[in-house]
Amino acid sequence: MPRRNSLSVTLREIGRIERTLYTLEWLQSPELRRRIHIGLNYFLQILAIFQS
């Protein structure tokens, strides 16, 4: 298994922090959840059209 250098470890940790901060924002913001829900529904409708 290749040894990870400090840059790759650091970037991975930054990504984890960003994901955690986004999750906390999502949990605290009904408006963000609503916008994501609308976008997801739109995407699923488009997907259903192409799959039929």
PDB file of N, CA and C in Angstrom:
ATOM      1  N   MET A   1       0.850  -1.184   0.000  1.00  0.00           N
ATOM      2  CA  MET A   1       0.000   0.000   0.000  1.00  0.00           C
ATOM      3  C   MET A   1       0.892   1.243   0.000  1.00  0.00           C
ATOM      4  N   PRO A   2       0.670   2.155  -0.938  1.00  0.00           N
ATOM      5  CA  PRO A   2       1.543   3.332  -0.995  1.00  0.00           C
ATOM      6  C   PRO A   2       1.356   4.244   0.208  1.00  0.00           C
ATOM      7  N   ARG A   3       2.447   4.830   0.617  1.00  0.00           N
ATOM      8  CA  ARG A   3       2.401   5.753   1.746  1.00  0.00           C
ATOM      9  C   ARG A   3       1.791   7.075   1.300  1.00  0.00           C
ATOM     10  N   ARG A   4       0.881   7.597   2.093  1.00  0.00           N
ATOM     11  CA  ARG A   4       0.244   8.876   1.760  1.00  0.00           C
ATOM     12  C   ARG A   4       1.153  10.025   2.184  1.00  0.00           C
ATOM     13  N   ASN A   5       1.275  11.006   1.308  1.00  0.00           N
ATOM     14  CA  ASN A   5       2.072  12.161   1.710  1.00  0.00           C
ATOM     15  C   ASN A   5       1.203  13.141   2.489  1.00  0.00           C
ATOM     16  N   SER A   6       1.839  14.081   3.120  1.00  0.00           N
ATOM     17  CA  SER A   6       1.114  14.987   4.015  1.00  0.00           C
ATOM     18  C   SER A   6       0.114  15.863   3.262  1.00  0.00           C
ATOM     19  N   LEU A   7       0.387  16.200   2.007  1.00  0.00           N
ATOM     20  CA  LEU A   7      -0.549  17.016   1.239  1.00  0.00           C
ATOM     21  C   LEU A   7      -1.852  16.262   0.988  1.00  0.00           C
ATOM     22  N   SER A   8      -1.767  15.012   0.587  1.00  0.00           N
ATOM     23  CA  SER A   8      -2.992  14.256   0.315  1.00  0.00           C
ATOM     24  C   SER A   8      -3.797  14.036   1.589  1.00  0.00           C
ATOM     25  N   VAL A   9      -3.122  13.801   2.701  1.00  0.00           N
ATOM     26  CA  VAL A   9      -3.816  13.636   3.980  1.00  0.00           C
ATOM     27  C   VAL A   9      -4.503  14.942   4.371  1.00  0.00           C
ATOM     28  N   THR A  10      -3.808  16.053   4.195  1.00  0.00           N
ATOM     29  CA  THR A  10      -4.366  17.365   4.528  1.00  0.00           C
ATOM     30  C   THR A  10      -5.587  17.682   3.672  1.00  0.00           C
ATOM     31  N   LEU A  11      -5.498  17.432   2.366  1.00  0.00           N
ATOM     32  CA  LEU A  11      -6.628  17.701   1.473  1.00  0.00           C
ATOM     33  C   LEU A  11      -7.831  16.823   1.813  1.00  0.00           C
ATOM     34  N   ARG A  12      -7.573  15.589   2.188  1.00  0.00           N
ATOM     35  CA  ARG A  12      -8.669  14.701   2.581  1.00  0.00           C
ATOM     36  C   ARG A  12      -9.365  15.228   3.832  1.00  0.00           C
ATOM     37  N   GLU A  13      -8.588  15.679   4.802  1.00  0.00           N
ATOM     38  CA  GLU A  13      -9.166  16.221   6.034  1.00  0.00           C
ATOM     39  C   GLU A  13      -9.950  17.502   5.764  1.00  0.00           C
ATOM     40  N   ILE A  14      -9.445  18.354   4.883  1.00  0.00           N
ATOM     41  CA  ILE A  14     -10.177  19.573   4.521  1.00  0.00           C
ATOM     42  C   ILE A  14     -11.511  19.202   3.887  1.00  0.00           C
ATOM     43  N   GLY A  15     -11.514  18.200   3.029  1.00  0.00           N
ATOM     44  CA  GLY A  15     -12.754  17.740   2.420  1.00  0.00           C
ATOM     45  C   GLY A  15     -13.749  17.249   3.452  1.00  0.00           C
ATOM     46  N   ARG A  16     -13.261  16.537   4.449  1.00  0.00           N
ATOM     47  CA  ARG A  16     -14.141  16.056   5.519  1.00  0.00           C
ATOM     48  C   ARG A  16     -14.734  17.219   6.310  1.00  0.00           C
ATOM     49  N   ILE A  17     -13.915  18.220   6.577  1.00  0.00           N
ATOM     50  CA  ILE A  17     -14.393  19.403   7.311  1.00  0.00           C
ATOM     51  C   ILE A  17     -15.455  20.130   6.494  1.00  0.00           C
ATOM     52  N   GLU A  18     -15.201  20.314   5.194  1.00  0.00           N
ATOM     53  CA  GLU A  18     -16.176  20.992   4.335  1.00  0.00           C
ATOM     54  C   GLU A  18     -17.494  20.231   4.296  1.00  0.00           C
ATOM     55  N   ARG A  19     -17.421  18.910   4.188  1.00  0.00           N
ATOM     56  CA  ARG A  19     -18.637  18.094   4.157  1.00  0.00           C
ATOM     57  C   ARG A  19     -19.402  18.214   5.467  1.00  0.00           C
ATOM     58  N   THR A  20     -18.692  18.229   6.578  1.00  0.00           N
ATOM     59  CA  THR A  20     -19.334  18.375   7.881  1.00  0.00           C
ATOM     60  C   THR A  20     -20.009  19.736   8.011  1.00  0.00           C
ATOM     61  N   LEU A  21     -19.315  20.795   7.598  1.00  0.00           N
ATOM     62  CA  LEU A  21     -19.897  22.140   7.673  1.00  0.00           C
ATOM     63  C   LEU A  21     -21.142  22.247   6.800  1.00  0.00           C
ATOM     64  N   TYR A  22     -21.100  21.661   5.605  1.00  0.00           N
ATOM     65  CA  TYR A  22     -22.263  21.693   4.722  1.00  0.00           C
ATOM     66  C   TYR A  22     -23.430  20.929   5.345  1.00  0.00           C
ATOM     67  N   THR A  23     -23.155  19.779   5.938  1.00  0.00           N
ATOM     68  CA  THR A  23     -24.208  18.995   6.588  1.00  0.00           C
ATOM     69  C   THR A  23     -24.841  19.776   7.729  1.00  0.00           C
ATOM     70  N   LEU A  24     -24.030  20.451   8.526  1.00  0.00           N
ATOM     71  CA  LEU A  24     -24.566  21.260   9.620  1.00  0.00           C
ATOM     72  C   LEU A  24     -25.424  22.400   9.090  1.00  0.00           C
ATOM     73  N   GLU A  25     -24.979  23.044   8.005  1.00  0.00           N
ATOM     74  CA  GLU A  25     -25.772  24.114   7.401  1.00  0.00           C
ATOM     75  C   GLU A  25     -27.101  23.557   6.888  1.00  0.00           C
ATOM     76  N   TRP A  26     -27.059  22.388   6.256  1.00  0.00           N
ATOM     77  CA  TRP A  26     -28.273  21.757   5.728  1.00  0.00           C
ATOM     78  C   TRP A  26     -29.252  21.451   6.860  1.00  0.00           C
ATOM     79  N   LEU A  27     -28.741  20.962   7.978  1.00  0.00           N
ATOM     80  CA  LEU A  27     -29.605  20.629   9.116  1.00  0.00           C
ATOM     81  C   LEU A  27     -30.249  21.872   9.718  1.00  0.00           C
ATOM     82  N   GLN A  28     -29.555  23.001   9.688  1.00  0.00           N
ATOM     83  CA  GLN A  28     -30.051  24.222  10.321  1.00  0.00           C
ATOM     84  C   GLN A  28     -30.915  25.081   9.406  1.00  0.00           C
ATOM     85  N   SER A  29     -30.913  24.810   8.104  1.00  0.00           N
ATOM     86  CA  SER A  29     -31.565  25.722   7.165  1.00  0.00           C
ATOM     87  C   SER A  29     -32.730  25.057   6.429  1.00  0.00           C
ATOM     88  N   PRO A  30     -33.958  25.356   6.839  1.00  0.00           N
ATOM     89  CA  PRO A  30     -35.113  24.817   6.104  1.00  0.00           C
ATOM     90  C   PRO A  30     -35.135  25.288   4.646  1.00  0.00           C
ATOM     91  N   GLU A  31     -34.681  26.516   4.395  1.00  0.00           N
ATOM     92  CA  GLU A  31     -34.664  27.038   3.023  1.00  0.00           C
ATOM     93  C   GLU A  31     -33.700  26.247   2.148  1.00  0.00           C
ATOM     94  N   LEU A  32     -32.532  25.904   2.657  1.00  0.00           N
ATOM     95  CA  LEU A  32     -31.571  25.102   1.899  1.00  0.00           C
ATOM     96  C   LEU A  32     -32.145  23.722   1.614  1.00  0.00           C
ATOM     97  N   ARG A  33     -32.764  23.112   2.606  1.00  0.00           N
ATOM     98  CA  ARG A  33     -33.378  21.791   2.397  1.00  0.00           C
ATOM     99  C   ARG A  33     -34.482  21.864   1.348  1.00  0.00           C
ATOM    100  N   ARG A  34     -35.262  22.934   1.372  1.00  0.00           N
ATOM    101  CA  ARG A  34     -36.345  23.097   0.401  1.00  0.00           C
ATOM    102  C   ARG A  34     -35.780  23.223  -1.015  1.00  0.00           C
ATOM    103  N   ARG A  35     -34.733  24.038  -1.174  1.00  0.00           N
ATOM    104  CA  ARG A  35     -34.135  24.219  -2.502  1.00  0.00           C
ATOM    105  C   ARG A  35     -33.541  22.918  -3.025  1.00  0.00           C
ATOM    106  N   ILE A  36     -32.895  22.165  -2.149  1.00  0.00           N
ATOM    107  CA  ILE A  36     -32.316  20.889  -2.561  1.00  0.00           C
ATOM    108  C   ILE A  36     -33.421  19.907  -2.938  1.00  0.00           C
ATOM    109  N   HIS A  37     -34.493  19.899  -2.175  1.00  0.00           N
ATOM    110  CA  HIS A  37     -35.628  19.018  -2.457  1.00  0.00           C
ATOM    111  C   HIS A  37     -36.235  19.344  -3.826  1.00  0.00           C
ATOM    112  N   ILE A  38     -36.401  20.628  -4.123  1.00  0.00           N
ATOM    113  CA  ILE A  38     -36.939  21.049  -5.420  1.00  0.00           C
ATOM    114  C   ILE A  38     -36.010  20.591  -6.549  1.00  0.00           C
ATOM    115  N   GLY A  39     -34.719  20.803  -6.378  1.00  0.00           N
ATOM    116  CA  GLY A  39     -33.753  20.391  -7.399  1.00  0.00           C
ATOM    117  C   GLY A  39     -33.734  18.892  -7.603  1.00  0.00           C
ATOM    118  N   LEU A  40     -33.820  18.139  -6.526  1.00  0.00           N
ATOM    119  CA  LEU A  40     -33.830  16.684  -6.625  1.00  0.00           C
ATOM    120  C   LEU A  40     -35.080  16.204  -7.351  1.00  0.00           C
ATOM    121  N   ASN A  41     -36.232  16.778  -7.022  1.00  0.00           N
ATOM    122  CA  ASN A  41     -37.468  16.395  -7.701  1.00  0.00           C
ATOM    123  C   ASN A  41     -37.391  16.701  -9.192  1.00  0.00           C
ATOM    124  N   TYR A  42     -36.838  17.854  -9.545  1.00  0.00           N
ATOM    125  CA  TYR A  42     -36.685  18.223 -10.953  1.00  0.00           C
ATOM    126  C   TYR A  42     -35.810  17.199 -11.672  1.00  0.00           C
ATOM    127  N   PHE A  43     -34.680  16.855 -11.076  1.00  0.00           N
ATOM    128  CA  PHE A  43     -33.768  15.881 -11.669  1.00  0.00           C
ATOM    129  C   PHE A  43     -34.453  14.530 -11.840  1.00  0.00           C
ATOM    130  N   LEU A  44     -35.196  14.089 -10.836  1.00  0.00           N
ATOM    131  CA  LEU A  44     -35.867  12.793 -10.922  1.00  0.00           C
ATOM    132  C   LEU A  44     -36.951  12.790 -11.998  1.00  0.00           C
ATOM    133  N   GLN A  45     -37.625  13.909 -12.194  1.00  0.00           N
ATOM    134  CA  GLN A  45     -38.621  14.004 -13.266  1.00  0.00           C
ATOM    135  C   GLN A  45     -37.952  13.894 -14.637  1.00  0.00           C
ATOM    136  N   ILE A  46     -36.842  14.578 -14.824  1.00  0.00           N
ATOM    137  CA  ILE A  46     -36.104  14.498 -16.091  1.00  0.00           C
ATOM    138  C   ILE A  46     -35.616  13.075 -16.317  1.00  0.00           C
ATOM    139  N   LEU A  47     -35.082  12.451 -15.290  1.00  0.00           N
ATOM    140  CA  LEU A  47     -34.596  11.080 -15.394  1.00  0.00           C
ATOM    141  C   LEU A  47     -35.727  10.127 -15.774  1.00  0.00           C
ATOM    142  N   ALA A  48     -36.904  10.301 -15.183  1.00  0.00           N
ATOM    143  CA  ALA A  48     -38.052   9.444 -15.488  1.00  0.00           C
ATOM    144  C   ALA A  48     -38.476   9.599 -16.944  1.00  0.00           C
ATOM    145  N   ILE A  49     -38.396  10.812 -17.478  1.00  0.00           N
ATOM    146  CA  ILE A  49     -38.758  11.042 -18.881  1.00  0.00           C
ATOM    147  C   ILE A  49     -37.819  10.265 -19.800  1.00  0.00           C
ATOM    148  N   PHE A  50     -36.527  10.314 -19.516  1.00  0.00           N
ATOM    149  CA  PHE A  50     -35.561   9.637 -20.374  1.00  0.00           C
ATOM    150  C   PHE A  50     -35.579   8.123 -20.204  1.00  0.00           C
ATOM    151  N   GLN A  51     -36.042   7.635 -19.078  1.00  0.00           N
ATOM    152  CA  GLN A  51     -36.084   6.193 -18.856  1.00  0.00           C
ATOM    153  C   GLN A  51     -37.359   5.557 -19.385  1.00  0.00           C
ATOM    154  N   SER A  52     -38.364   6.360 -19.702  1.00  0.00           N
ATOM    155  CA  SER A  52     -39.624   5.786 -20.187  1.00  0.00           C
ATOM    156  C   SER A  52     -39.615   5.599 -21.689  1.00  0.00           C
TER     157      SER A  52
END
